[in-house]
Amino acid sequence: MKRKEFVKKIAESSQQSPLVVQKILREFVKILAEALKNGEKITISGLGQFKVKPTKTKLARNPKTGEPVQLPERKKISFRPTDWIRKYINE
């Protein structure tokens, strides 16, 4: 499902205009990204938990040359859904 379809479904079920839903979704993403950038853990009841996990430096290979390449440490976003969502999608 693309963002436009997602906004439309939320607008219909909440009886809000798509513009209002679009603005709320945009702000949600902006606030979520800022909190994750600051290292905060975000828990949304009924949805799940977002957090940032650091990755370690690792050795990889350049696929063209086969030469070893050192990949630096990075941060990755982790999402863990609630038990309810996990059970719901596995029914």
PDB file of N, CA and C in Angstrom:
ATOM      1  N   MET A   1       0.852  -1.169   0.000  1.00  0.00           N
ATOM      2  CA  MET A   1       0.000   0.000   0.000  1.00  0.00           C
ATOM      3  C   MET A   1       0.900   1.234   0.000  1.00  0.00           C
ATOM      4  N   LYS A   2       0.579   2.163  -0.858  1.00  0.00           N
ATOM      5  CA  LYS A   2       1.355   3.396  -0.936  1.00  0.00           C
ATOM      6  C   LYS A   2       0.771   4.443   0.009  1.00  0.00           C
ATOM      7  N   ARG A   3       1.553   5.490   0.234  1.00  0.00           N
ATOM      8  CA  ARG A   3       1.173   6.540   1.180  1.00  0.00           C
ATOM      9  C   ARG A   3      -0.202   7.139   0.845  1.00  0.00           C
ATOM     10  N   LYS A   4      -0.452   7.404  -0.424  1.00  0.00           N
ATOM     11  CA  LYS A   4      -1.715   8.029  -0.836  1.00  0.00           C
ATOM     12  C   LYS A   4      -2.909   7.149  -0.460  1.00  0.00           C
ATOM     13  N   GLU A   5      -2.797   5.846  -0.714  1.00  0.00           N
ATOM     14  CA  GLU A   5      -3.863   4.901  -0.363  1.00  0.00           C
ATOM     15  C   GLU A   5      -4.044   4.827   1.151  1.00  0.00           C
ATOM     16  N   PHE A   6      -2.921   4.820   1.866  1.00  0.00           N
ATOM     17  CA  PHE A   6      -2.940   4.762   3.328  1.00  0.00           C
ATOM     18  C   PHE A   6      -3.677   5.975   3.893  1.00  0.00           C
ATOM     19  N   VAL A   7      -3.339   7.158   3.389  1.00  0.00           N
ATOM     20  CA  VAL A   7      -3.984   8.403   3.831  1.00  0.00           C
ATOM     21  C   VAL A   7      -5.478   8.358   3.528  1.00  0.00           C
ATOM     22  N   LYS A   8      -5.829   7.878   2.342  1.00  0.00           N
ATOM     23  CA  LYS A   8      -7.234   7.809   1.947  1.00  0.00           C
ATOM     24  C   LYS A   8      -8.031   6.901   2.884  1.00  0.00           C
ATOM     25  N   LYS A   9      -7.469   5.727   3.218  1.00  0.00           N
ATOM     26  CA  LYS A   9      -8.154   4.796   4.123  1.00  0.00           C
ATOM     27  C   LYS A   9      -8.348   5.395   5.515  1.00  0.00           C
ATOM     28  N   ILE A  10      -7.316   6.050   6.023  1.00  0.00           N
ATOM     29  CA  ILE A  10      -7.430   6.673   7.343  1.00  0.00           C
ATOM     30  C   ILE A  10      -8.454   7.804   7.306  1.00  0.00           C
ATOM     31  N   ALA A  11      -8.435   8.607   6.248  1.00  0.00           N
ATOM     32  CA  ALA A  11      -9.382   9.712   6.108  1.00  0.00           C
ATOM     33  C   ALA A  11     -10.823   9.198   6.097  1.00  0.00           C
ATOM     34  N   GLU A  12     -11.059   8.124   5.358  1.00  0.00           N
ATOM     35  CA  GLU A  12     -12.410   7.558   5.286  1.00  0.00           C
ATOM     36  C   GLU A  12     -12.866   6.989   6.626  1.00  0.00           C
ATOM     37  N   SER A  13     -11.990   6.234   7.283  1.00  0.00           N
ATOM     38  CA  SER A  13     -12.398   5.595   8.538  1.00  0.00           C
ATOM     39  C   SER A  13     -12.493   6.576   9.700  1.00  0.00           C
ATOM     40  N   SER A  14     -11.759   7.681   9.635  1.00  0.00           N
ATOM     41  CA  SER A  14     -11.804   8.664  10.728  1.00  0.00           C
ATOM     42  C   SER A  14     -12.676   9.861  10.402  1.00  0.00           C
ATOM     43  N   GLN A  15     -13.250   9.879   9.206  1.00  0.00           N
ATOM     44  CA  GLN A  15     -14.098  10.978   8.743  1.00  0.00           C
ATOM     45  C   GLN A  15     -13.383  12.328   8.819  1.00  0.00           C
ATOM     46  N   GLN A  16     -12.119  12.315   8.415  1.00  0.00           N
ATOM     47  CA  GLN A  16     -11.301  13.529   8.330  1.00  0.00           C
ATOM     48  C   GLN A  16     -10.966  13.768   6.867  1.00  0.00           C
ATOM     49  N   SER A  17     -10.565  14.983   6.561  1.00  0.00           N
ATOM     50  CA  SER A  17     -10.169  15.255   5.179  1.00  0.00           C
ATOM     51  C   SER A  17      -8.791  14.641   4.935  1.00  0.00           C
ATOM     52  N   PRO A  18      -8.536  14.205   3.712  1.00  0.00           N
ATOM     53  CA  PRO A  18      -7.220  13.645   3.395  1.00  0.00           C
ATOM     54  C   PRO A  18      -6.078  14.629   3.668  1.00  0.00           C
ATOM     55  N   LEU A  19      -6.332  15.917   3.517  1.00  0.00           N
ATOM     56  CA  LEU A  19      -5.292  16.917   3.785  1.00  0.00           C
ATOM     57  C   LEU A  19      -4.890  16.937   5.255  1.00  0.00           C
ATOM     58  N   VAL A  20      -5.871  16.810   6.133  1.00  0.00           N
ATOM     59  CA  VAL A  20      -5.588  16.780   7.574  1.00  0.00           C
ATOM     60  C   VAL A  20      -4.794  15.522   7.918  1.00  0.00           C
ATOM     61  N   VAL A  21      -5.218  14.393   7.390  1.00  0.00           N
ATOM     62  CA  VAL A  21      -4.528  13.128   7.645  1.00  0.00           C
ATOM     63  C   VAL A  21      -3.105  13.179   7.100  1.00  0.00           C
ATOM     64  N   GLN A  22      -2.936  13.737   5.903  1.00  0.00           N
ATOM     65  CA  GLN A  22      -1.608  13.865   5.293  1.00  0.00           C
ATOM     66  C   GLN A  22      -0.681  14.689   6.182  1.00  0.00           C
ATOM     67  N   LYS A  23      -1.198  15.798   6.711  1.00  0.00           N
ATOM     68  CA  LYS A  23      -0.393  16.664   7.579  1.00  0.00           C
ATOM     69  C   LYS A  23      -0.010  15.936   8.866  1.00  0.00           C
ATOM     70  N   ILE A  24      -0.948  15.225   9.454  1.00  0.00           N
ATOM     71  CA  ILE A  24      -0.676  14.475  10.684  1.00  0.00           C
ATOM     72  C   ILE A  24       0.371  13.399  10.429  1.00  0.00           C
ATOM     73  N   LEU A  25       0.233  12.671   9.330  1.00  0.00           N
ATOM     74  CA  LEU A  25       1.191  11.619   8.995  1.00  0.00           C
ATOM     75  C   LEU A  25       2.585  12.201   8.773  1.00  0.00           C
ATOM     76  N   ARG A  26       2.653  13.335   8.075  1.00  0.00           N
ATOM     77  CA  ARG A  26       3.937  13.996   7.825  1.00  0.00           C
ATOM     78  C   ARG A  26       4.603  14.402   9.147  1.00  0.00           C
ATOM     79  N   GLU A  27       3.820  14.960  10.060  1.00  0.00           N
ATOM     80  CA  GLU A  27       4.355  15.363  11.365  1.00  0.00           C
ATOM     81  C   GLU A  27       4.789  14.155  12.189  1.00  0.00           C
ATOM     82  N   PHE A  28       4.005  13.072  12.110  1.00  0.00           N
ATOM     83  CA  PHE A  28       4.347  11.845  12.823  1.00  0.00           C
ATOM     84  C   PHE A  28       5.718  11.340  12.380  1.00  0.00           C
ATOM     85  N   VAL A  29       5.927  11.282  11.066  1.00  0.00           N
ATOM     86  CA  VAL A  29       7.200  10.796  10.532  1.00  0.00           C
ATOM     87  C   VAL A  29       8.337  11.722  10.937  1.00  0.00           C
ATOM     88  N   LYS A  30       8.102  13.027  10.885  1.00  0.00           N
ATOM     89  CA  LYS A  30       9.136  13.996  11.244  1.00  0.00           C
ATOM     90  C   LYS A  30       9.535  13.865  12.718  1.00  0.00           C
ATOM     91  N   ILE A  31       8.549  13.761  13.593  1.00  0.00           N
ATOM     92  CA  ILE A  31       8.816  13.638  15.036  1.00  0.00           C
ATOM     93  C   ILE A  31       9.482  12.296  15.346  1.00  0.00           C
ATOM     94  N   LEU A  32       9.021  11.229  14.702  1.00  0.00           N
ATOM     95  CA  LEU A  32       9.612   9.903  14.885  1.00  0.00           C
ATOM     96  C   LEU A  32      11.084   9.910  14.478  1.00  0.00           C
ATOM     97  N   ALA A  33      11.380  10.480  13.311  1.00  0.00           N
ATOM     98  CA  ALA A  33      12.760  10.530  12.820  1.00  0.00           C
ATOM     99  C   ALA A  33      13.651  11.342  13.754  1.00  0.00           C
ATOM    100  N   GLU A  34      13.157  12.455  14.237  1.00  0.00           N
ATOM    101  CA  GLU A  34      13.946  13.311  15.142  1.00  0.00           C
ATOM    102  C   GLU A  34      14.231  12.579  16.456  1.00  0.00           C
ATOM    103  N   ALA A  35      13.217  11.902  16.997  1.00  0.00           N
ATOM    104  CA  ALA A  35      13.406  11.164  18.247  1.00  0.00           C
ATOM    105  C   ALA A  35      14.421  10.036  18.065  1.00  0.00           C
ATOM    106  N   LEU A  36      14.322   9.315  16.948  1.00  0.00           N
ATOM    107  CA  LEU A  36      15.271   8.223  16.677  1.00  0.00           C
ATOM    108  C   LEU A  36      16.684   8.765  16.495  1.00  0.00           C
ATOM    109  N   LYS A  37      16.798   9.897  15.830  1.00  0.00           N
ATOM    110  CA  LYS A  37      18.107  10.519  15.635  1.00  0.00           C
ATOM    111  C   LYS A  37      18.747  10.876  16.974  1.00  0.00           C
ATOM    112  N   ASN A  38      17.908  11.249  17.946  1.00  0.00           N
ATOM    113  CA  ASN A  38      18.400  11.599  19.281  1.00  0.00           C
ATOM    114  C   ASN A  38      18.605  10.376  20.170  1.00  0.00           C
ATOM    115  N   GLY A  39      18.404   9.186  19.617  1.00  0.00           N
ATOM    116  CA  GLY A  39      18.641   7.961  20.370  1.00  0.00           C
ATOM    117  C   GLY A  39      17.500   7.533  21.268  1.00  0.00           C
ATOM    118  N   GLU A  40      16.343   8.140  21.109  1.00  0.00           N
ATOM    119  CA  GLU A  40      15.194   7.794  21.949  1.00  0.00           C
ATOM    120  C   GLU A  40      14.514   6.524  21.434  1.00  0.00           C
ATOM    121  N   LYS A  41      13.873   5.804  22.356  1.00  0.00           N
ATOM    122  CA  LYS A  41      13.079   4.628  22.020  1.00  0.00           C
ATOM    123  C   LYS A  41      11.625   5.086  22.016  1.00  0.00           C
ATOM    124  N   ILE A  42      10.882   4.781  20.962  1.00  0.00           N
ATOM    125  CA  ILE A  42       9.495   5.217  20.838  1.00  0.00           C
ATOM    126  C   ILE A  42       8.590   3.998  20.907  1.00  0.00           C
ATOM    127  N   THR A  43       7.694   3.991  21.872  1.00  0.00           N
ATOM    128  CA  THR A  43       6.736   2.911  22.017  1.00  0.00           C
ATOM    129  C   THR A  43       5.340   3.470  21.785  1.00  0.00           C
ATOM    130  N   ILE A  44       4.633   2.881  20.818  1.00  0.00           N
ATOM    131  CA  ILE A  44       3.273   3.302  20.511  1.00  0.00           C
ATOM    132  C   ILE A  44       2.369   2.123  20.827  1.00  0.00           C
ATOM    133  N   SER A  45       1.546   2.309  21.850  1.00  0.00           N
ATOM    134  CA  SER A  45       0.655   1.252  22.300  1.00  0.00           C
ATOM    135  C   SER A  45      -0.234   0.786  21.152  1.00  0.00           C
ATOM    136  N   GLY A  46      -0.322  -0.529  20.969  1.00  0.00           N
ATOM    137  CA  GLY A  46      -1.135  -1.094  19.907  1.00  0.00           C
ATOM    138  C   GLY A  46      -0.401  -1.222  18.576  1.00  0.00           C
ATOM    139  N   LEU A  47       0.769  -0.601  18.457  1.00  0.00           N
ATOM    140  CA  LEU A  47       1.537  -0.666  17.215  1.00  0.00           C
ATOM    141  C   LEU A  47       2.860  -1.384  17.422  1.00  0.00           C
ATOM    142  N   GLY A  48       3.697  -0.833  18.286  1.00  0.00           N
ATOM    143  CA  GLY A  48       4.986  -1.462  18.533  1.00  0.00           C
ATOM    144  C   GLY A  48       6.022  -0.479  19.018  1.00  0.00           C
ATOM    145  N   GLN A  49       7.280  -0.885  18.913  1.00  0.00           N
ATOM    146  CA  GLN A  49       8.390  -0.091  19.434  1.00  0.00           C
ATOM    147  C   GLN A  49       9.438   0.145  18.344  1.00  0.00           C
ATOM    148  N   PHE A  50       9.833   1.400  18.213  1.00  0.00           N
ATOM    149  CA  PHE A  50      10.902   1.792  17.301  1.00  0.00           C
ATOM    150  C   PHE A  50      12.117   2.131  18.128  1.00  0.00           C
ATOM    151  N   LYS A  51      13.292   1.689  17.683  1.00  0.00           N
ATOM    152  CA  LYS A  51      14.518   2.096  18.352  1.00  0.00           C
ATOM    153  C   LYS A  51      15.682   2.005  17.375  1.00  0.00           C
ATOM    154  N   VAL A  52      16.773   2.654  17.735  1.00  0.00           N
ATOM    155  CA  VAL A  52      17.969   2.648  16.908  1.00  0.00           C
ATOM    156  C   VAL A  52      18.960   1.677  17.516  1.00  0.00           C
ATOM    157  N   LYS A  53      19.522   0.815  16.663  1.00  0.00           N
ATOM    158  CA  LYS A  53      20.540  -0.138  17.112  1.00  0.00           C
ATOM    159  C   LYS A  53      21.830   0.161  16.354  1.00  0.00           C
ATOM    160  N   PRO A  54      22.939   0.208  17.056  1.00  0.00           N
ATOM    161  CA  PRO A  54      24.208   0.420  16.348  1.00  0.00           C
ATOM    162  C   PRO A  54      24.675  -0.891  15.704  1.00  0.00           C
ATOM    163  N   THR A  55      25.317  -0.791  14.560  1.00  0.00           N
ATOM    164  CA  THR A  55      25.916  -1.969  13.937  1.00  0.00           C
ATOM    165  C   THR A  55      27.426  -1.868  14.129  1.00  0.00           C
ATOM    166  N   LYS A  56      28.088  -2.977  14.163  1.00  0.00           N
ATOM    167  CA  LYS A  56      29.539  -2.993  14.334  1.00  0.00           C
ATOM    168  C   LYS A  56      30.225  -2.834  12.987  1.00  0.00           C
ATOM    169  N   THR A  57      31.471  -2.423  13.050  1.00  0.00           N
ATOM    170  CA  THR A  57      32.297  -2.381  11.846  1.00  0.00           C
ATOM    171  C   THR A  57      32.442  -3.811  11.333  1.00  0.00           C
ATOM    172  N   LYS A  58      32.342  -3.979  10.008  1.00  0.00           N
ATOM    173  CA  LYS A  58      32.494  -5.332   9.490  1.00  0.00           C
ATOM    174  C   LYS A  58      33.247  -5.320   8.163  1.00  0.00           C
ATOM    175  N   LEU A  59      33.769  -6.456   7.843  1.00  0.00           N
ATOM    176  CA  LEU A  59      34.528  -6.626   6.617  1.00  0.00           C
ATOM    177  C   LEU A  59      33.605  -7.201   5.544  1.00  0.00           C
ATOM    178  N   ALA A  60      33.613  -6.558   4.359  1.00  0.00           N
ATOM    179  CA  ALA A  60      32.803  -7.020   3.230  1.00  0.00           C
ATOM    180  C   ALA A  60      33.703  -7.111   2.004  1.00  0.00           C
ATOM    181  N   ARG A  61      33.118  -7.472   0.887  1.00  0.00           N
ATOM    182  CA  ARG A  61      33.898  -7.561  -0.354  1.00  0.00           C
ATOM    183  C   ARG A  61      33.250  -6.706  -1.436  1.00  0.00           C
ATOM    184  N   ASN A  62      34.100  -6.051  -2.218  1.00  0.00           N
ATOM    185  CA  ASN A  62      33.638  -5.330  -3.388  1.00  0.00           C
ATOM    186  C   ASN A  62      33.264  -6.391  -4.431  1.00  0.00           C
ATOM    187  N   PRO A  63      32.000  -6.427  -4.879  1.00  0.00           N
ATOM    188  CA  PRO A  63      31.591  -7.482  -5.799  1.00  0.00           C
ATOM    189  C   PRO A  63      32.299  -7.445  -7.161  1.00  0.00           C
ATOM    190  N   LYS A  64      32.732  -6.273  -7.592  1.00  0.00           N
ATOM    191  CA  LYS A  64      33.411  -6.171  -8.892  1.00  0.00           C
ATOM    192  C   LYS A  64      34.846  -6.664  -8.829  1.00  0.00           C
ATOM    193  N   THR A  65      35.567  -6.248  -7.790  1.00  0.00           N
ATOM    194  CA  THR A  65      37.000  -6.562  -7.726  1.00  0.00           C
ATOM    195  C   THR A  65      37.323  -7.710  -6.780  1.00  0.00           C
ATOM    196  N   GLY A  66      36.392  -8.027  -5.869  1.00  0.00           N
ATOM    197  CA  GLY A  66      36.662  -9.071  -4.888  1.00  0.00           C
ATOM    198  C   GLY A  66      37.549  -8.574  -3.757  1.00  0.00           C
ATOM    199  N   GLU A  67      37.874  -7.295  -3.793  1.00  0.00           N
ATOM    200  CA  GLU A  67      38.745  -6.677  -2.798  1.00  0.00           C
ATOM    201  C   GLU A  67      38.004  -6.495  -1.467  1.00  0.00           C
ATOM    202  N   PRO A  68      38.650  -6.773  -0.328  1.00  0.00           N
ATOM    203  CA  PRO A  68      38.005  -6.556   0.965  1.00  0.00           C
ATOM    204  C   PRO A  68      37.789  -5.057   1.229  1.00  0.00           C
ATOM    205  N   VAL A  69      36.626  -4.747   1.810  1.00  0.00           N
ATOM    206  CA  VAL A  69      36.270  -3.365   2.130  1.00  0.00           C
ATOM    207  C   VAL A  69      35.796  -3.315   3.575  1.00  0.00           C
ATOM    208  N   GLN A  70      36.247  -2.328   4.317  1.00  0.00           N
ATOM    209  CA  GLN A  70      35.842  -2.149   5.710  1.00  0.00           C
ATOM    210  C   GLN A  70      34.573  -1.292   5.740  1.00  0.00           C
ATOM    211  N   LEU A  71      33.477  -1.820   6.258  1.00  0.00           N
ATOM    212  CA  LEU A  71      32.245  -1.055   6.404  1.00  0.00           C
ATOM    213  C   LEU A  71      32.228  -0.421   7.783  1.00  0.00           C
ATOM    214  N   PRO A  72      31.977   0.887   7.871  1.00  0.00           N
ATOM    215  CA  PRO A  72      32.011   1.567   9.162  1.00  0.00           C
ATOM    216  C   PRO A  72      30.797   1.239  10.034  1.00  0.00           C
ATOM    217  N   GLU A  73      30.887   1.613  11.309  1.00  0.00           N
ATOM    218  CA  GLU A  73      29.742   1.473  12.207  1.00  0.00           C
ATOM    219  C   GLU A  73      28.613   2.347  11.692  1.00  0.00           C
ATOM    220  N   ARG A  74      27.387   1.883  11.871  1.00  0.00           N
ATOM    221  CA  ARG A  74      26.217   2.633  11.443  1.00  0.00           C
ATOM    222  C   ARG A  74      25.114   2.459  12.456  1.00  0.00           C
ATOM    223  N   LYS A  75      24.055   3.209  12.259  1.00  0.00           N
ATOM    224  CA  LYS A  75      22.861   3.044  13.080  1.00  0.00           C
ATOM    225  C   LYS A  75      21.769   2.497  12.180  1.00  0.00           C
ATOM    226  N   LYS A  76      21.010   1.528  12.698  1.00  0.00           N
ATOM    227  CA  LYS A  76      19.885   1.010  11.928  1.00  0.00           C
ATOM    228  C   LYS A  76      18.626   1.101  12.778  1.00  0.00           C
ATOM    229  N   ILE A  77      17.504   1.245  12.107  1.00  0.00           N
ATOM    230  CA  ILE A  77      16.228   1.371  12.803  1.00  0.00           C
ATOM    231  C   ILE A  77      15.631  -0.017  12.977  1.00  0.00           C
ATOM    232  N   SER A  78      15.175  -0.273  14.177  1.00  0.00           N
ATOM    233  CA  SER A  78      14.565  -1.549  14.501  1.00  0.00           C
ATOM    234  C   SER A  78      13.110  -1.292  14.904  1.00  0.00           C
ATOM    235  N   PHE A  79      12.199  -2.120  14.408  1.00  0.00           N
ATOM    236  CA  PHE A  79      10.789  -2.023  14.792  1.00  0.00           C
ATOM    237  C   PHE A  79      10.343  -3.372  15.305  1.00  0.00           C
ATOM    238  N   ARG A  80       9.726  -3.364  16.466  1.00  0.00           N
ATOM    239  CA  ARG A  80       9.185  -4.595  17.027  1.00  0.00           C
ATOM    240  C   ARG A  80       7.679  -4.407  17.221  1.00  0.00           C
ATOM    241  N   PRO A  81       6.866  -5.138  16.471  1.00  0.00           N
ATOM    242  CA  PRO A  81       5.414  -4.988  16.597  1.00  0.00           C
ATOM    243  C   PRO A  81       4.897  -5.573  17.907  1.00  0.00           C
ATOM    244  N   THR A  82       3.696  -5.140  18.292  1.00  0.00           N
ATOM    245  CA  THR A  82       3.066  -5.670  19.498  1.00  0.00           C
ATOM    246  C   THR A  82       2.672  -7.120  19.268  1.00  0.00           C
ATOM    247  N   ASP A  83       2.444  -7.837  20.346  1.00  0.00           N
ATOM    248  CA  ASP A  83       2.014  -9.234  20.249  1.00  0.00           C
ATOM    249  C   ASP A  83       0.712  -9.346  19.463  1.00  0.00           C
ATOM    250  N   TRP A  84      -0.197  -8.385  19.676  1.00  0.00           N
ATOM    251  CA  TRP A  84      -1.487  -8.414  18.983  1.00  0.00           C
ATOM    252  C   TRP A  84      -1.293  -8.384  17.474  1.00  0.00           C
ATOM    253  N   ILE A  85      -0.434  -7.498  16.962  1.00  0.00           N
ATOM    254  CA  ILE A  85      -0.185  -7.411  15.517  1.00  0.00           C
ATOM    255  C   ILE A  85       0.447  -8.693  15.006  1.00  0.00           C
ATOM    256  N   ARG A  86       1.414  -9.226  15.740  1.00  0.00           N
ATOM    257  CA  ARG A  86       2.050 -10.478  15.305  1.00  0.00           C
ATOM    258  C   ARG A  86       1.041 -11.610  15.216  1.00  0.00           C
ATOM    259  N   LYS A  87       0.163 -11.712  16.217  1.00  0.00           N
ATOM    260  CA  LYS A  87      -0.862 -12.764  16.203  1.00  0.00           C
ATOM    261  C   LYS A  87      -1.864 -12.536  15.080  1.00  0.00           C
ATOM    262  N   TYR A  88      -2.252 -11.277  14.868  1.00  0.00           N
ATOM    263  CA  TYR A  88      -3.245 -10.936  13.844  1.00  0.00           C
ATOM    264  C   TYR A  88      -2.774 -11.306  12.446  1.00  0.00           C
ATOM    265  N   ILE A  89      -1.519 -11.000  12.114  1.00  0.00           N
ATOM    266  CA  ILE A  89      -1.047 -11.303  10.758  1.00  0.00           C
ATOM    267  C   ILE A  89      -0.755 -12.788  10.561  1.00  0.00           C
ATOM    268  N   ASN A  90      -0.650 -13.534  11.649  1.00  0.00           N
ATOM    269  CA  ASN A  90      -0.371 -14.965  11.547  1.00  0.00           C
ATOM    270  C   ASN A  90      -1.621 -15.834  11.679  1.00  0.00           C
ATOM    271  N   GLU A  91      -2.795 -15.220  11.710  1.00  0.00           N
ATOM    272  CA  GLU A  91      -4.034 -16.003  11.811  1.00  0.00           C
ATOM    273  C   GLU A  91      -4.347 -16.708  10.520  1.00  0.00           C
TER     274      GLU A  91
END
